[in-house]
Protein backbone atom coordinates (compact mmCIF):
# COMPACT_ATOMS: atom_id res chain seq x y z
CA UNK A 1 -9.18 14.71 26.63
CA UNK A 2 -9.79 11.18 25.36
CA UNK A 3 -13.51 11.84 24.83
CA UNK A 4 -12.66 14.97 22.84
CA UNK A 5 -10.21 13.01 20.70
CA UNK A 6 -12.76 10.25 20.08
CA UNK A 7 -15.48 12.73 19.16
CA UNK A 8 -13.10 14.53 16.78
CA UNK A 9 -12.19 11.22 15.14
CA UNK A 10 -15.90 10.64 14.51
CA UNK A 11 -16.43 14.16 13.18
CA UNK A 12 -18.85 15.14 15.95
CA UNK A 13 -19.32 18.59 17.45
CA UNK A 14 -20.21 19.64 20.99
CA UNK A 15 -18.34 19.52 24.28
CA UNK A 16 -17.22 17.47 27.27
CA UNK A 17 -16.64 18.58 30.86
CA UNK A 18 -15.77 17.06 34.21
CA UNK A 19 -18.29 17.65 36.98
CA UNK A 20 -17.32 18.32 40.59
CA UNK A 21 -18.69 14.95 41.74
CA UNK A 22 -16.38 13.03 39.39
CA UNK A 23 -18.89 12.42 36.63
CA UNK A 24 -18.30 13.48 33.03
CA UNK A 25 -20.93 15.33 30.98
CA UNK A 26 -20.91 15.13 27.17
CA UNK A 27 -23.03 16.97 24.65
CA UNK A 28 -22.42 15.57 21.17
CA UNK A 29 -24.02 16.51 17.85
CA UNK A 30 -23.81 14.66 14.58
CA UNK A 31 -25.27 11.85 12.54
CA UNK A 32 -27.04 9.10 14.50
CA UNK A 33 -24.65 6.23 13.57
CA UNK A 34 -21.66 8.32 14.67
CA UNK A 35 -23.35 9.30 17.92
CA UNK A 36 -24.03 5.61 18.55
CA UNK A 37 -20.32 4.86 18.03
CA UNK A 38 -19.42 7.50 20.60
CA UNK A 39 -22.04 6.11 23.02
CA UNK A 40 -20.54 2.62 22.70
CA UNK A 41 -17.04 4.02 23.28
CA UNK A 42 -18.29 5.92 26.36
CA UNK A 43 -19.48 2.66 27.95
CA UNK A 44 -15.83 1.80 28.64
CA UNK A 45 -13.98 5.07 27.94
CA UNK A 46 -10.18 5.30 27.77
CA UNK A 47 -7.99 2.62 29.35
CA UNK A 48 -7.63 4.35 32.74
CA UNK A 49 -11.34 5.18 33.08
CA UNK A 50 -13.76 3.47 35.44
CA UNK A 51 -17.23 3.75 33.90
CA UNK A 52 -19.95 2.76 36.35
CA UNK A 53 -23.00 4.04 34.50
CA UNK A 54 -23.91 5.75 31.25
CA UNK A 55 -27.06 7.81 30.85
CA UNK A 56 -28.08 9.20 27.46
CA UNK A 57 -30.69 11.89 26.93
CA UNK A 58 -31.74 13.33 23.57
CA UNK A 59 -31.74 17.12 23.44
CA UNK A 60 -32.61 19.59 20.69
CA UNK A 61 -29.87 19.93 18.07
CA UNK A 62 -27.43 22.74 18.69
CA UNK A 63 -24.80 24.13 16.34
CA UNK A 64 -21.16 23.94 17.47
CA UNK A 65 -18.09 24.71 15.35
CA UNK A 66 -16.09 21.80 16.79
CA UNK A 67 -15.81 19.49 19.79
CA UNK A 68 -14.18 21.13 22.80
CA UNK A 69 -13.25 20.59 26.44
CA UNK A 70 -15.04 22.93 28.83
């Protein structure tokens, strides 16, 4: 929920979901400086999060109406 809120604050579109192994997957679309802000935020996440690693991969742009939780 916190990632969705942060992405919405930045005006990004895409989605976030929890994976069965405890990792979180995010697909975010928007302007490069805003994506970089989200990436920086993801390095620490919300206050109760324990971020061990962050891996970023560029993918082809996709159109999403908003940012949602899957």
